[in-house]
Structure formats: structure tokens, C-alpha cells
Amino acid sequence: MHNNHNLALVTPSEAPSEKTPLAPNAPSHWHAYLTLGFQKTARGTVLKTCDHKGPLYVQKPFYPEGPETAHVYLLHPPGGLVSGDRLTITANLAENTHVLITTPGAGRVYRAREDKTLQYQITQLNVPKDSVMEWLPQEAILYPNAHTRLENQINLASNAKFIGWEVTCFGLPANNESFANGHAEQGFEIRQDGRLKVRERLIIDDQSRDIFQAKAGLANKPINGLMIAGPFDRTDNNDELMDTLRDHCTKHVSLCGATLVDEYIIVRSLHDDSEHMKRLFTQCWRAIRPALIGKEACEPRIWAT
């Protein structure tokens, strides 16, 4: 992981509002955005605003654990990014709201065209005081020869809470197709009251492709997973929780581990199977959720389909 890169913020106002005009016979691409606004009302956490352009939208929220927590499924009908696509996803929570966002299936970044135009997705989550954001998407599959940049930016108030993960499959291992060609940049950044707390960055290109074989890199595993949760109170004793997470990691036949870095728990995993990794992260989520936000885990119904 590299930690010396600055990430640029993108707001919906910067995203084009229509499909990008193209020259005749030029390949199409989408500059799309989805901006969600959540409010606290007498009916609980509600989706108050939903502004979107292009193939990004959500259906109505679901409430399997009661009106205080909204479960939202992010839909992207094309199913993946092609060259020139730029997707901006923003969630703005109001105070005293709790939102869980997931996806119904894996995201895909397809092979880039010959011009290698960037395939770009940025997710920005803004979480004020007394609010909780859970960002739990399905895995992202990066096809061989993809040329992509994927950024996650989380802005927390001092007493807001966050649980999130990303699971990335490099290449198509089931088809014996590796990510031997292509370019991928991934960033995961958390700021708390404007101060940088967590920054993770992974860059894979022709200069850094040895990371796939390196023991200090991906160790010949095509699936890379990162889970982050916090902030935890430094004065609390989290030893029992950490023991539980490490026990989950030990029982999974993969390279994985859990650490507490300042106020944030970070779980990392490398594996050959994304389903196996998602099961591990779900087990960790079940342990972390009651400790961090005082609620038992309630899996989104879409995960069972």
C-alpha cells in the first residue's frame, strides 16, 4: 500500500449532467452521478432526496430492522464501467440517521479500449454527528486490461460511526485470466472533522506489477479485501473484540489479519475466492457492529438472493 498520494474530492456539481457529447461514430461513455440525501423524521431515517443522471439509481429503502435504519440497494444497470465512464456516488446523511448501502451483485470494470481512457468511480460519504454509515458493496471485478481508478472518501464528524469494506478481484481467475495487463488505482480515505485518519492506496501498473507475487504484496492471490470500522473510543477495552476477529481470520484458509490502528479496526485479507472472503468479512461485521454502534447485525435481504 502506498500512502503518499493526495486524493481529489469530486462533488456532484462537478459531474456532467448529461451523457457526454461525442463525435460521430465515437464510442459511447457515461458521465453519471447519484446523490442521496437522508433525513431523520418521525418515521425514522428516510431517503429525502435522490438526484441522478445516467445509469445510477436506487429503489425505495428497506427497513428489515425497523424505521431507524435504512437499507439501500445501489443499482447500476449496465453492470460495469467501460472506457470513459465516470461515476460519482454521494451520500449525505443528516444528524441522527443510520444508513446501510450495498449492491445486488458484483461490480465490473471491463477491458479498456485501445485508447486506455480511464474508467473512474468515486464514492463520497458524508456522515455528521450521531449518524452511522455502513458501506458494504459486493465485490468489484477488474477485467484484464482494465484501466481504472476507484476512490472511496468518507467524511465523518467526531462522533459519527462507519463500517465499510471493499473486495477486489484482479482478473478472471475462474477463466485463468490474470491481471497481467492493465492499470488499477484504488484509494480508501477517512477524514474525521476534516483531519485525515486513514488513507489506503494501491497502485498496480507496469512498474508495480511485481506486487502480485511479492510476499509483502498480494502473495499470488487474485482477491484483495479491506475492511475498516470506527472510530472506537480509545479508553474502551477492545481486546475481546480483537480476539474474536483474529479467531475468525485464523479459521479461514487465507491470508488475513485484524489490527486496531488508533481508533479504527482494519481487517485485511487475500484469497483465491471472493465468496469465501465475503463470508469472512460478514462474520467480522457481525462482531464489530454491536461493539461499535450497539446493534446486532441484520443482513440485507438482497444478500440471500
C-alpha atoms as a PDB file:
ATOM      1  CA  MET A   1       0.000   0.000   0.000  1.00  0.00           C
ATOM      2  CA  HIS A   2       1.203   3.487  -0.786  1.00  0.00           C
ATOM      3  CA  ASN A   3       0.232   6.363   1.481  1.00  0.00           C
ATOM      4  CA  ASN A   4       1.820   9.351  -0.171  1.00  0.00           C
ATOM      5  CA  HIS A   5      -0.847  10.318  -2.663  1.00  0.00           C
ATOM      6  CA  ASN A   6      -3.435  13.035  -2.244  1.00  0.00           C
ATOM      7  CA  LEU A   7      -6.999  12.308  -3.301  1.00  0.00           C
ATOM      8  CA  ALA A   8      -9.085  14.912  -5.078  1.00  0.00           C
ATOM      9  CA  LEU A   9     -12.663  15.434  -3.954  1.00  0.00           C
ATOM     10  CA  VAL A  10     -15.356  15.426  -6.602  1.00  0.00           C
ATOM     11  CA  THR A  11     -18.810  16.796  -5.907  1.00  0.00           C
ATOM     12  CA  PRO A  12     -21.938  16.183  -7.955  1.00  0.00           C
ATOM     13  CA  SER A  13     -21.801  19.752  -9.249  1.00  0.00           C
ATOM     14  CA  GLU A  14     -18.563  18.840 -10.983  1.00  0.00           C
ATOM     15  CA  ALA A  15     -20.061  15.823 -12.693  1.00  0.00           C
ATOM     16  CA  PRO A  16     -21.564  16.358 -16.144  1.00  0.00           C
ATOM     17  CA  SER A  17     -25.329  16.185 -16.024  1.00  0.00           C
ATOM     18  CA  GLU A  18     -25.890  14.526 -19.377  1.00  0.00           C
ATOM     19  CA  LYS A  19     -24.369  11.812 -21.459  1.00  0.00           C
ATOM     20  CA  THR A  20     -21.132  13.226 -22.835  1.00  0.00           C
ATOM     21  CA  PRO A  21     -21.461  14.612 -26.383  1.00  0.00           C
ATOM     22  CA  LEU A  22     -19.406  12.559 -28.788  1.00  0.00           C
ATOM     23  CA  ALA A  23     -18.178  12.869 -32.326  1.00  0.00           C
ATOM     24  CA  PRO A  24     -19.970  10.750 -34.924  1.00  0.00           C
ATOM     25  CA  ASN A  25     -19.061   7.041 -34.639  1.00  0.00           C
ATOM     26  CA  ALA A  26     -17.175   7.664 -31.381  1.00  0.00           C
ATOM     27  CA  PRO A  27     -17.663   5.020 -28.675  1.00  0.00           C
ATOM     28  CA  SER A  28     -20.202   5.972 -26.020  1.00  0.00           C
ATOM     29  CA  HIS A  29     -19.453   6.500 -22.360  1.00  0.00           C
ATOM     30  CA  TRP A  30     -21.305   7.779 -19.312  1.00  0.00           C
ATOM     31  CA  HIS A  31     -20.537  10.668 -17.013  1.00  0.00           C
ATOM     32  CA  ALA A  32     -23.137   9.841 -14.382  1.00  0.00           C
ATOM     33  CA  TYR A  33     -23.819  10.718 -10.774  1.00  0.00           C
ATOM     34  CA  LEU A  34     -26.114   9.719  -7.953  1.00  0.00           C
ATOM     35  CA  THR A  35     -26.601  11.973  -4.927  1.00  0.00           C
ATOM     36  CA  LEU A  36     -28.613  10.652  -1.984  1.00  0.00           C
ATOM     37  CA  GLY A  37     -29.848  12.769   0.933  1.00  0.00           C
ATOM     38  CA  PHE A  38     -31.085  11.160   4.146  1.00  0.00           C
ATOM     39  CA  GLN A  39     -33.095  12.856   6.896  1.00  0.00           C
ATOM     40  CA  LYS A  40     -34.390  11.968  10.350  1.00  0.00           C
ATOM     41  CA  THR A  41     -38.187  12.234  10.586  1.00  0.00           C
ATOM     42  CA  ALA A  42     -40.955  10.936  12.819  1.00  0.00           C
ATOM     43  CA  ARG A  43     -40.919   7.864  10.566  1.00  0.00           C
ATOM     44  CA  GLY A  44     -37.205   7.254  11.175  1.00  0.00           C
ATOM     45  CA  THR A  45     -34.389   7.541   8.621  1.00  0.00           C
ATOM     46  CA  VAL A  46     -35.837   8.380   5.211  1.00  0.00           C
ATOM     47  CA  LEU A  47     -34.406   8.958   1.762  1.00  0.00           C
ATOM     48  CA  LYS A  48     -35.372  12.602   1.366  1.00  0.00           C
ATOM     49  CA  THR A  49     -33.645  13.407  -1.921  1.00  0.00           C
ATOM     50  CA  CYS A  50     -32.354  11.323  -4.812  1.00  0.00           C
ATOM     51  CA  ASP A  51     -30.747  13.172  -7.694  1.00  0.00           C
ATOM     52  CA  HIS A  52     -29.250  11.145 -10.510  1.00  0.00           C
ATOM     53  CA  LYS A  53     -28.111  11.374 -14.083  1.00  0.00           C
ATOM     54  CA  GLY A  54     -27.171   8.395 -16.159  1.00  0.00           C
ATOM     55  CA  PRO A  55     -27.459   4.705 -15.208  1.00  0.00           C
ATOM     56  CA  LEU A  56     -27.214   5.071 -11.431  1.00  0.00           C
ATOM     57  CA  TYR A  57     -30.202   4.996  -9.100  1.00  0.00           C
ATOM     58  CA  VAL A  58     -31.785   3.330  -6.085  1.00  0.00           C
ATOM     59  CA  GLN A  59     -35.196   1.910  -5.365  1.00  0.00           C
ATOM     60  CA  LYS A  60     -37.039   2.679  -2.148  1.00  0.00           C
ATOM     61  CA  PRO A  61     -35.143   1.970   1.102  1.00  0.00           C
ATOM     62  CA  PHE A  62     -35.919  -1.196   3.039  1.00  0.00           C
ATOM     63  CA  TYR A  63     -36.317  -1.429   6.810  1.00  0.00           C
ATOM     64  CA  PRO A  64     -35.690  -5.034   7.919  1.00  0.00           C
ATOM     65  CA  GLU A  65     -34.506  -3.875  11.356  1.00  0.00           C
ATOM     66  CA  GLY A  66     -37.029  -1.087  11.938  1.00  0.00           C
ATOM     67  CA  PRO A  67     -37.514   2.517  10.812  1.00  0.00           C
ATOM     68  CA  GLU A  68     -34.310   3.891  12.324  1.00  0.00           C
ATOM     69  CA  THR A  69     -32.019   2.109   9.840  1.00  0.00           C
ATOM     70  CA  ALA A  70     -32.475   2.409   6.069  1.00  0.00           C
ATOM     71  CA  HIS A  71     -31.078  -0.344   3.848  1.00  0.00           C
ATOM     72  CA  VAL A  72     -30.425   0.948   0.336  1.00  0.00           C
ATOM     73  CA  TYR A  73     -29.505  -1.041  -2.778  1.00  0.00           C
ATOM     74  CA  LEU A  74     -27.369   0.795  -5.296  1.00  0.00           C
ATOM     75  CA  LEU A  75     -28.323  -0.128  -8.866  1.00  0.00           C
ATOM     76  CA  HIS A  76     -26.125   0.258 -11.933  1.00  0.00           C
ATOM     77  CA  PRO A  77     -27.987  -1.442 -14.806  1.00  0.00           C
ATOM     78  CA  PRO A  78     -25.031  -1.566 -17.236  1.00  0.00           C
ATOM     79  CA  GLY A  79     -23.271  -3.677 -14.615  1.00  0.00           C
ATOM     80  CA  GLY A  80     -19.819  -2.216 -15.120  1.00  0.00           C
ATOM     81  CA  LEU A  81     -17.513   0.514 -16.331  1.00  0.00           C
ATOM     82  CA  VAL A  82     -16.231   0.896 -19.877  1.00  0.00           C
ATOM     83  CA  SER A  83     -13.593   3.292 -21.143  1.00  0.00           C
ATOM     84  CA  GLY A  84     -14.502   6.908 -20.469  1.00  0.00           C
ATOM     85  CA  ASP A  85     -17.139   6.142 -17.832  1.00  0.00           C
ATOM     86  CA  ARG A  86     -17.082   8.384 -14.779  1.00  0.00           C
ATOM     87  CA  LEU A  87     -19.470   7.538 -11.952  1.00  0.00           C
ATOM     88  CA  THR A  88     -19.832   9.722  -8.853  1.00  0.00           C
ATOM     89  CA  ILE A  89     -21.790   8.354  -5.890  1.00  0.00           C
ATOM     90  CA  THR A  90     -22.519  10.691  -2.974  1.00  0.00           C
ATOM     91  CA  ALA A  91     -24.468  10.022   0.214  1.00  0.00           C
ATOM     92  CA  ASN A  92     -25.252  12.968   2.501  1.00  0.00           C
ATOM     93  CA  LEU A  93     -26.598  11.917   5.875  1.00  0.00           C
ATOM     94  CA  ALA A  94     -28.334  14.274   8.307  1.00  0.00           C
ATOM     95  CA  GLU A  95     -27.803  14.070  12.052  1.00  0.00           C
ATOM     96  CA  ASN A  96     -29.191  11.042  13.890  1.00  0.00           C
ATOM     97  CA  THR A  97     -29.564   8.871  10.792  1.00  0.00           C
ATOM     98  CA  HIS A  98     -28.347   5.343  10.092  1.00  0.00           C
ATOM     99  CA  VAL A  99     -27.873   4.125   6.525  1.00  0.00           C
ATOM    100  CA  LEU A 100     -26.591   0.834   5.118  1.00  0.00           C
ATOM    101  CA  ILE A 101     -25.769   0.801   1.406  1.00  0.00           C
ATOM    102  CA  THR A 102     -25.000  -2.345  -0.538  1.00  0.00           C
ATOM    103  CA  THR A 103     -25.273  -3.625  -4.121  1.00  0.00           C
ATOM    104  CA  PRO A 104     -27.283  -6.528  -5.534  1.00  0.00           C
ATOM    105  CA  GLY A 105     -24.308  -8.020  -7.359  1.00  0.00           C
ATOM    106  CA  ALA A 106     -20.666  -7.664  -8.256  1.00  0.00           C
ATOM    107  CA  GLY A 107     -19.445  -4.516  -9.961  1.00  0.00           C
ATOM    108  CA  ARG A 108     -17.286  -4.872 -13.042  1.00  0.00           C
ATOM    109  CA  VAL A 109     -14.613  -2.844 -14.762  1.00  0.00           C
ATOM    110  CA  TYR A 110     -14.380  -4.153 -18.301  1.00  0.00           C
ATOM    111  CA  ARG A 111     -11.406  -4.268 -20.613  1.00  0.00           C
ATOM    112  CA  ALA A 112     -10.382  -0.776 -21.676  1.00  0.00           C
ATOM    113  CA  ARG A 113     -10.460   0.311 -25.282  1.00  0.00           C
ATOM    114  CA  GLU A 114      -7.201   0.783 -27.137  1.00  0.00           C
ATOM    115  CA  ASP A 115      -7.020   4.457 -26.139  1.00  0.00           C
ATOM    116  CA  LYS A 116      -6.914   3.397 -22.438  1.00  0.00           C
ATOM    117  CA  THR A 117      -9.342   6.136 -21.421  1.00  0.00           C
ATOM    118  CA  LEU A 118      -9.809   5.989 -17.649  1.00  0.00           C
ATOM    119  CA  GLN A 119     -12.723   4.086 -16.088  1.00  0.00           C
ATOM    120  CA  TYR A 120     -13.406   6.094 -12.945  1.00  0.00           C
ATOM    121  CA  GLN A 121     -15.679   5.703  -9.941  1.00  0.00           C
ATOM    122  CA  ILE A 122     -15.651   7.878  -6.846  1.00  0.00           C
ATOM    123  CA  THR A 123     -17.770   7.278  -3.751  1.00  0.00           C
ATOM    124  CA  GLN A 124     -18.128  10.104  -1.240  1.00  0.00           C
ATOM    125  CA  LEU A 125     -19.951   9.503   2.065  1.00  0.00           C
ATOM    126  CA  ASN A 126     -20.654  12.452   4.379  1.00  0.00           C
ATOM    127  CA  VAL A 127     -21.648  11.439   7.902  1.00  0.00           C
ATOM    128  CA  PRO A 128     -22.494  14.113  10.535  1.00  0.00           C
ATOM    129  CA  LYS A 129     -22.669  13.736  14.302  1.00  0.00           C
ATOM    130  CA  ASP A 130     -24.716  10.949  15.863  1.00  0.00           C
ATOM    131  CA  SER A 131     -25.037   9.186  12.498  1.00  0.00           C
ATOM    132  CA  VAL A 132     -23.910   5.809  11.178  1.00  0.00           C
ATOM    133  CA  MET A 133     -22.866   4.839   7.654  1.00  0.00           C
ATOM    134  CA  GLU A 134     -22.348   1.242   6.550  1.00  0.00           C
ATOM    135  CA  TRP A 135     -20.854   0.826   3.068  1.00  0.00           C
ATOM    136  CA  LEU A 136     -20.993  -2.890   2.201  1.00  0.00           C
ATOM    137  CA  PRO A 137     -20.903  -3.401  -1.583  1.00  0.00           C
ATOM    138  CA  GLN A 138     -20.396  -6.702  -3.347  1.00  0.00           C
ATOM    139  CA  GLU A 139     -17.003  -7.353  -4.912  1.00  0.00           C
ATOM    140  CA  ALA A 140     -15.519  -5.387  -7.813  1.00  0.00           C
ATOM    141  CA  ILE A 141     -14.135  -7.487 -10.676  1.00  0.00           C
ATOM    142  CA  LEU A 142     -11.339  -5.829 -12.654  1.00  0.00           C
ATOM    143  CA  TYR A 143     -11.091  -7.467 -16.059  1.00  0.00           C
ATOM    144  CA  PRO A 144      -7.677  -7.984 -17.676  1.00  0.00           C
ATOM    145  CA  ASN A 145      -6.576  -4.785 -19.450  1.00  0.00           C
ATOM    146  CA  ALA A 146      -8.919  -2.573 -17.436  1.00  0.00           C
ATOM    147  CA  HIS A 147      -7.668   0.967 -16.871  1.00  0.00           C
ATOM    148  CA  THR A 148      -9.394   2.196 -13.750  1.00  0.00           C
ATOM    149  CA  ARG A 149      -9.365   4.453 -10.732  1.00  0.00           C
ATOM    150  CA  LEU A 150     -11.668   3.643  -7.815  1.00  0.00           C
ATOM    151  CA  GLU A 151     -11.844   6.044  -4.867  1.00  0.00           C
ATOM    152  CA  ASN A 152     -13.717   5.905  -1.552  1.00  0.00           C
ATOM    153  CA  GLN A 153     -13.809   9.087   0.533  1.00  0.00           C
ATOM    154  CA  ILE A 154     -15.529   9.107   3.906  1.00  0.00           C
ATOM    155  CA  ASN A 155     -16.029  12.335   5.841  1.00  0.00           C
ATOM    156  CA  LEU A 156     -17.052  11.823   9.474  1.00  0.00           C
ATOM    157  CA  ALA A 157     -17.991  14.139  12.296  1.00  0.00           C
ATOM    158  CA  SER A 158     -16.137  13.356  15.514  1.00  0.00           C
ATOM    159  CA  ASN A 159     -18.839  11.082  16.912  1.00  0.00           C
ATOM    160  CA  ALA A 160     -20.131   9.607  13.659  1.00  0.00           C
ATOM    161  CA  LYS A 161     -19.528   5.901  13.011  1.00  0.00           C
ATOM    162  CA  PHE A 162     -18.503   3.998   9.900  1.00  0.00           C
ATOM    163  CA  ILE A 163     -18.197   0.373   8.828  1.00  0.00           C
ATOM    164  CA  GLY A 164     -17.130  -0.352   5.273  1.00  0.00           C
ATOM    165  CA  TRP A 165     -15.280  -2.739   3.031  1.00  0.00           C
ATOM    166  CA  GLU A 166     -14.026  -3.295  -0.475  1.00  0.00           C
ATOM    167  CA  VAL A 167     -13.358  -6.673  -2.076  1.00  0.00           C
ATOM    168  CA  THR A 168     -11.472  -6.580  -5.367  1.00  0.00           C
ATOM    169  CA  CYS A 169     -10.887  -9.410  -7.823  1.00  0.00           C
ATOM    170  CA  PHE A 170      -7.949  -8.774 -10.139  1.00  0.00           C
ATOM    171  CA  GLY A 171      -8.535 -10.526 -13.437  1.00  0.00           C
ATOM    172  CA  LEU A 172     -10.817 -13.505 -14.052  1.00  0.00           C
ATOM    173  CA  PRO A 173      -9.238 -16.328 -12.050  1.00  0.00           C
ATOM    174  CA  ALA A 174     -12.076 -18.752 -12.855  1.00  0.00           C
ATOM    175  CA  ASN A 175     -11.056 -18.386 -16.529  1.00  0.00           C
ATOM    176  CA  ASN A 176      -7.330 -18.467 -15.709  1.00  0.00           C
ATOM    177  CA  GLU A 177      -7.024 -14.834 -16.818  1.00  0.00           C
ATOM    178  CA  SER A 178      -4.765 -12.770 -14.591  1.00  0.00           C
ATOM    179  CA  PHE A 179      -4.362  -9.004 -14.348  1.00  0.00           C
ATOM    180  CA  ALA A 180      -1.049  -9.263 -16.175  1.00  0.00           C
ATOM    181  CA  ASN A 181      -2.000  -6.228 -18.249  1.00  0.00           C
ATOM    182  CA  GLY A 182      -3.949  -3.195 -17.169  1.00  0.00           C
ATOM    183  CA  HIS A 183      -3.814  -0.330 -14.715  1.00  0.00           C
ATOM    184  CA  ALA A 184      -5.632  -0.014 -11.386  1.00  0.00           C
ATOM    185  CA  GLU A 185      -5.593   2.649  -8.704  1.00  0.00           C
ATOM    186  CA  GLN A 186      -7.609   2.245  -5.518  1.00  0.00           C
ATOM    187  CA  GLY A 187      -7.963   4.692  -2.665  1.00  0.00           C
ATOM    188  CA  PHE A 188      -9.774   4.478   0.668  1.00  0.00           C
ATOM    189  CA  GLU A 189      -9.653   7.621   2.780  1.00  0.00           C
ATOM    190  CA  ILE A 190     -11.368   8.552   6.059  1.00  0.00           C
ATOM    191  CA  ARG A 191     -11.379  12.060   7.473  1.00  0.00           C
ATOM    192  CA  GLN A 192     -12.766  12.899  10.883  1.00  0.00           C
ATOM    193  CA  ASP A 193     -13.671  16.554  11.474  1.00  0.00           C
ATOM    194  CA  GLY A 194     -11.507  17.317   8.455  1.00  0.00           C
ATOM    195  CA  ARG A 195      -8.433  15.514   9.795  1.00  0.00           C
ATOM    196  CA  LEU A 196      -7.017  12.587   7.856  1.00  0.00           C
ATOM    197  CA  LYS A 197      -7.357   9.386   9.906  1.00  0.00           C
ATOM    198  CA  VAL A 198      -6.983   6.548   7.424  1.00  0.00           C
ATOM    199  CA  ARG A 199      -5.510   6.501   3.947  1.00  0.00           C
ATOM    200  CA  GLU A 200      -5.030   3.322   1.949  1.00  0.00           C
ATOM    201  CA  ARG A 201      -3.751   3.333  -1.594  1.00  0.00           C
ATOM    202  CA  LEU A 202      -2.955   0.551  -4.026  1.00  0.00           C
ATOM    203  CA  ILE A 203      -1.478   1.178  -7.469  1.00  0.00           C
ATOM    204  CA  ILE A 204      -0.926  -1.592  -9.985  1.00  0.00           C
ATOM    205  CA  ASP A 205       0.718  -0.785 -13.297  1.00  0.00           C
ATOM    206  CA  ASP A 206       3.662  -1.990 -15.370  1.00  0.00           C
ATOM    207  CA  GLN A 207       6.097  -0.541 -12.826  1.00  0.00           C
ATOM    208  CA  SER A 208       4.477  -2.214  -9.810  1.00  0.00           C
ATOM    209  CA  ARG A 209       3.056  -5.472 -11.192  1.00  0.00           C
ATOM    210  CA  ASP A 210       5.538  -7.495  -9.145  1.00  0.00           C
ATOM    211  CA  ILE A 211       3.246  -6.768  -6.193  1.00  0.00           C
ATOM    212  CA  PHE A 212       1.143  -9.750  -7.295  1.00  0.00           C
ATOM    213  CA  GLN A 213       3.959 -12.178  -6.480  1.00  0.00           C
ATOM    214  CA  ALA A 214       5.546 -10.332  -3.552  1.00  0.00           C
ATOM    215  CA  LYS A 215       5.041 -11.808  -0.077  1.00  0.00           C
ATOM    216  CA  ALA A 216       4.633  -8.245   1.179  1.00  0.00           C
ATOM    217  CA  GLY A 217       2.143  -7.631  -1.633  1.00  0.00           C
ATOM    218  CA  LEU A 218      -0.685  -9.844  -2.887  1.00  0.00           C
ATOM    219  CA  ALA A 219       1.249 -13.126  -2.492  1.00  0.00           C
ATOM    220  CA  ASN A 220      -0.140 -14.659  -5.710  1.00  0.00           C
ATOM    221  CA  LYS A 221      -3.736 -14.160  -4.544  1.00  0.00           C
ATOM    222  CA  PRO A 222      -6.136 -12.507  -7.019  1.00  0.00           C
ATOM    223  CA  ILE A 223      -8.683 -11.365  -4.388  1.00  0.00           C
ATOM    224  CA  ASN A 224      -7.764  -8.426  -2.165  1.00  0.00           C
ATOM    225  CA  GLY A 225     -10.011  -7.320   0.685  1.00  0.00           C
ATOM    226  CA  LEU A 226     -10.006  -4.370   3.069  1.00  0.00           C
ATOM    227  CA  MET A 227     -12.484  -3.686   5.892  1.00  0.00           C
ATOM    228  CA  ILE A 228     -12.421  -0.582   8.111  1.00  0.00           C
ATOM    229  CA  ALA A 229     -14.595   0.266  11.123  1.00  0.00           C
ATOM    230  CA  GLY A 230     -14.578   3.049  13.683  1.00  0.00           C
ATOM    231  CA  PRO A 231     -13.864   5.255  15.368  1.00  0.00           C
ATOM    232  CA  PHE A 232     -13.695   3.290  18.609  1.00  0.00           C
ATOM    233  CA  ASP A 233     -13.193   5.006  21.941  1.00  0.00           C
ATOM    234  CA  ARG A 234      -9.539   4.671  22.879  1.00  0.00           C
ATOM    235  CA  THR A 235     -10.471   4.348  26.554  1.00  0.00           C
ATOM    236  CA  ASP A 236     -12.573   1.220  25.908  1.00  0.00           C
ATOM    237  CA  ASN A 237     -11.081  -2.243  26.202  1.00  0.00           C
ATOM    238  CA  ASN A 238     -11.461  -3.837  22.766  1.00  0.00           C
ATOM    239  CA  ASP A 239      -9.296  -6.883  23.479  1.00  0.00           C
ATOM    240  CA  GLU A 240     -12.218  -9.323  23.399  1.00  0.00           C
ATOM    241  CA  LEU A 241     -13.447  -7.943  20.074  1.00  0.00           C
ATOM    242  CA  MET A 242      -9.966  -8.126  18.560  1.00  0.00           C
ATOM    243  CA  ASP A 243      -9.579 -11.710  19.783  1.00  0.00           C
ATOM    244  CA  THR A 244     -12.883 -12.603  18.111  1.00  0.00           C
ATOM    245  CA  LEU A 245     -11.833 -11.022  14.809  1.00  0.00           C
ATOM    246  CA  ARG A 246      -8.448 -12.728  14.864  1.00  0.00           C
ATOM    247  CA  ASP A 247     -10.143 -16.029  15.619  1.00  0.00           C
ATOM    248  CA  HIS A 248     -12.346 -15.568  12.537  1.00  0.00           C
ATOM    249  CA  CYS A 249      -9.227 -14.823  10.484  1.00  0.00           C
ATOM    250  CA  THR A 250      -7.415 -17.901  11.809  1.00  0.00           C
ATOM    251  CA  LYS A 251     -10.300 -20.215  10.899  1.00  0.00           C
ATOM    252  CA  HIS A 252     -10.334 -19.054   7.272  1.00  0.00           C
ATOM    253  CA  VAL A 253      -7.845 -20.698   4.949  1.00  0.00           C
ATOM    254  CA  SER A 254      -6.477 -17.441   3.626  1.00  0.00           C
ATOM    255  CA  LEU A 255      -4.011 -14.713   4.388  1.00  0.00           C
ATOM    256  CA  CYS A 256      -5.815 -12.340   6.700  1.00  0.00           C
ATOM    257  CA  GLY A 257      -5.442 -10.375   9.888  1.00  0.00           C
ATOM    258  CA  ALA A 258      -7.115  -7.770  12.086  1.00  0.00           C
ATOM    259  CA  THR A 259      -5.422  -4.770  13.689  1.00  0.00           C
ATOM    260  CA  LEU A 260      -6.509  -1.781  15.771  1.00  0.00           C
ATOM    261  CA  VAL A 261      -4.835   1.359  14.445  1.00  0.00           C
ATOM    262  CA  ASP A 262      -5.607   4.315  16.713  1.00  0.00           C
ATOM    263  CA  GLU A 263      -9.441   4.413  16.748  1.00  0.00           C
ATOM    264  CA  TYR A 264     -10.001   2.200  13.695  1.00  0.00           C
ATOM    265  CA  ILE A 265     -10.157  -1.550  13.241  1.00  0.00           C
ATOM    266  CA  ILE A 266      -8.678  -2.697   9.940  1.00  0.00           C
ATOM    267  CA  VAL A 267      -9.150  -6.213   8.578  1.00  0.00           C
ATOM    268  CA  ARG A 268      -7.121  -7.288   5.539  1.00  0.00           C
ATOM    269  CA  SER A 269      -7.474 -10.476   3.551  1.00  0.00           C
ATOM    270  CA  LEU A 270      -6.018 -12.153   0.477  1.00  0.00           C
ATOM    271  CA  HIS A 271      -7.712 -15.155  -1.085  1.00  0.00           C
ATOM    272  CA  ASP A 272      -8.488 -17.135  -4.233  1.00  0.00           C
ATOM    273  CA  ASP A 273     -12.263 -16.979  -3.724  1.00  0.00           C
ATOM    274  CA  SER A 274     -14.314 -13.790  -3.313  1.00  0.00           C
ATOM    275  CA  GLU A 275     -17.274 -15.647  -1.777  1.00  0.00           C
ATOM    276  CA  HIS A 276     -15.018 -17.031   0.919  1.00  0.00           C
ATOM    277  CA  MET A 277     -13.676 -13.558   1.640  1.00  0.00           C
ATOM    278  CA  LYS A 278     -17.154 -12.031   1.826  1.00  0.00           C
ATOM    279  CA  ARG A 279     -18.136 -14.688   4.357  1.00  0.00           C
ATOM    280  CA  LEU A 280     -15.130 -13.716   6.466  1.00  0.00           C
ATOM    281  CA  PHE A 281     -15.958 -10.011   6.280  1.00  0.00           C
ATOM    282  CA  THR A 282     -19.600 -10.714   7.132  1.00  0.00           C
ATOM    283  CA  GLN A 283     -18.516 -12.639  10.232  1.00  0.00           C
ATOM    284  CA  CYS A 284     -16.273  -9.742  11.235  1.00  0.00           C
ATOM    285  CA  TRP A 285     -19.131  -7.295  10.606  1.00  0.00           C
ATOM    286  CA  ARG A 286     -21.400  -9.324  12.889  1.00  0.00           C
ATOM    287  CA  ALA A 287     -18.834  -8.965  15.669  1.00  0.00           C
ATOM    288  CA  ILE A 288     -17.968  -5.310  15.053  1.00  0.00           C
ATOM    289  CA  ARG A 289     -21.484  -3.900  14.654  1.00  0.00           C
ATOM    290  CA  PRO A 290     -22.802  -4.377  18.207  1.00  0.00           C
ATOM    291  CA  ALA A 291     -19.481  -3.251  19.676  1.00  0.00           C
ATOM    292  CA  LEU A 292     -19.354  -0.066  17.600  1.00  0.00           C
ATOM    293  CA  ILE A 293     -22.983   1.007  17.220  1.00  0.00           C
ATOM    294  CA  GLY A 294     -24.881  -1.116  19.743  1.00  0.00           C
ATOM    295  CA  LYS A 295     -26.950  -3.012  17.158  1.00  0.00           C
ATOM    296  CA  GLU A 296     -26.894  -6.662  16.221  1.00  0.00           C
ATOM    297  CA  ALA A 297     -26.108  -7.436  12.595  1.00  0.00           C
ATOM    298  CA  CYS A 298     -29.056  -7.600  10.205  1.00  0.00           C
ATOM    299  CA  GLU A 299     -28.001  -8.799   6.774  1.00  0.00           C
ATOM    300  CA  PRO A 300     -29.605  -7.077   3.771  1.00  0.00           C
ATOM    301  CA  ARG A 301     -32.182  -9.361   2.214  1.00  0.00           C
ATOM    302  CA  ILE A 302     -30.588  -8.964  -1.206  1.00  0.00           C
ATOM    303  CA  TRP A 303     -27.576 -10.967   0.022  1.00  0.00           C
ATOM    304  CA  ALA A 304     -29.746 -14.058   0.298  1.00  0.00           C
ATOM    305  CA  THR A 305     -30.879 -13.960  -3.350  1.00  0.00           C
END
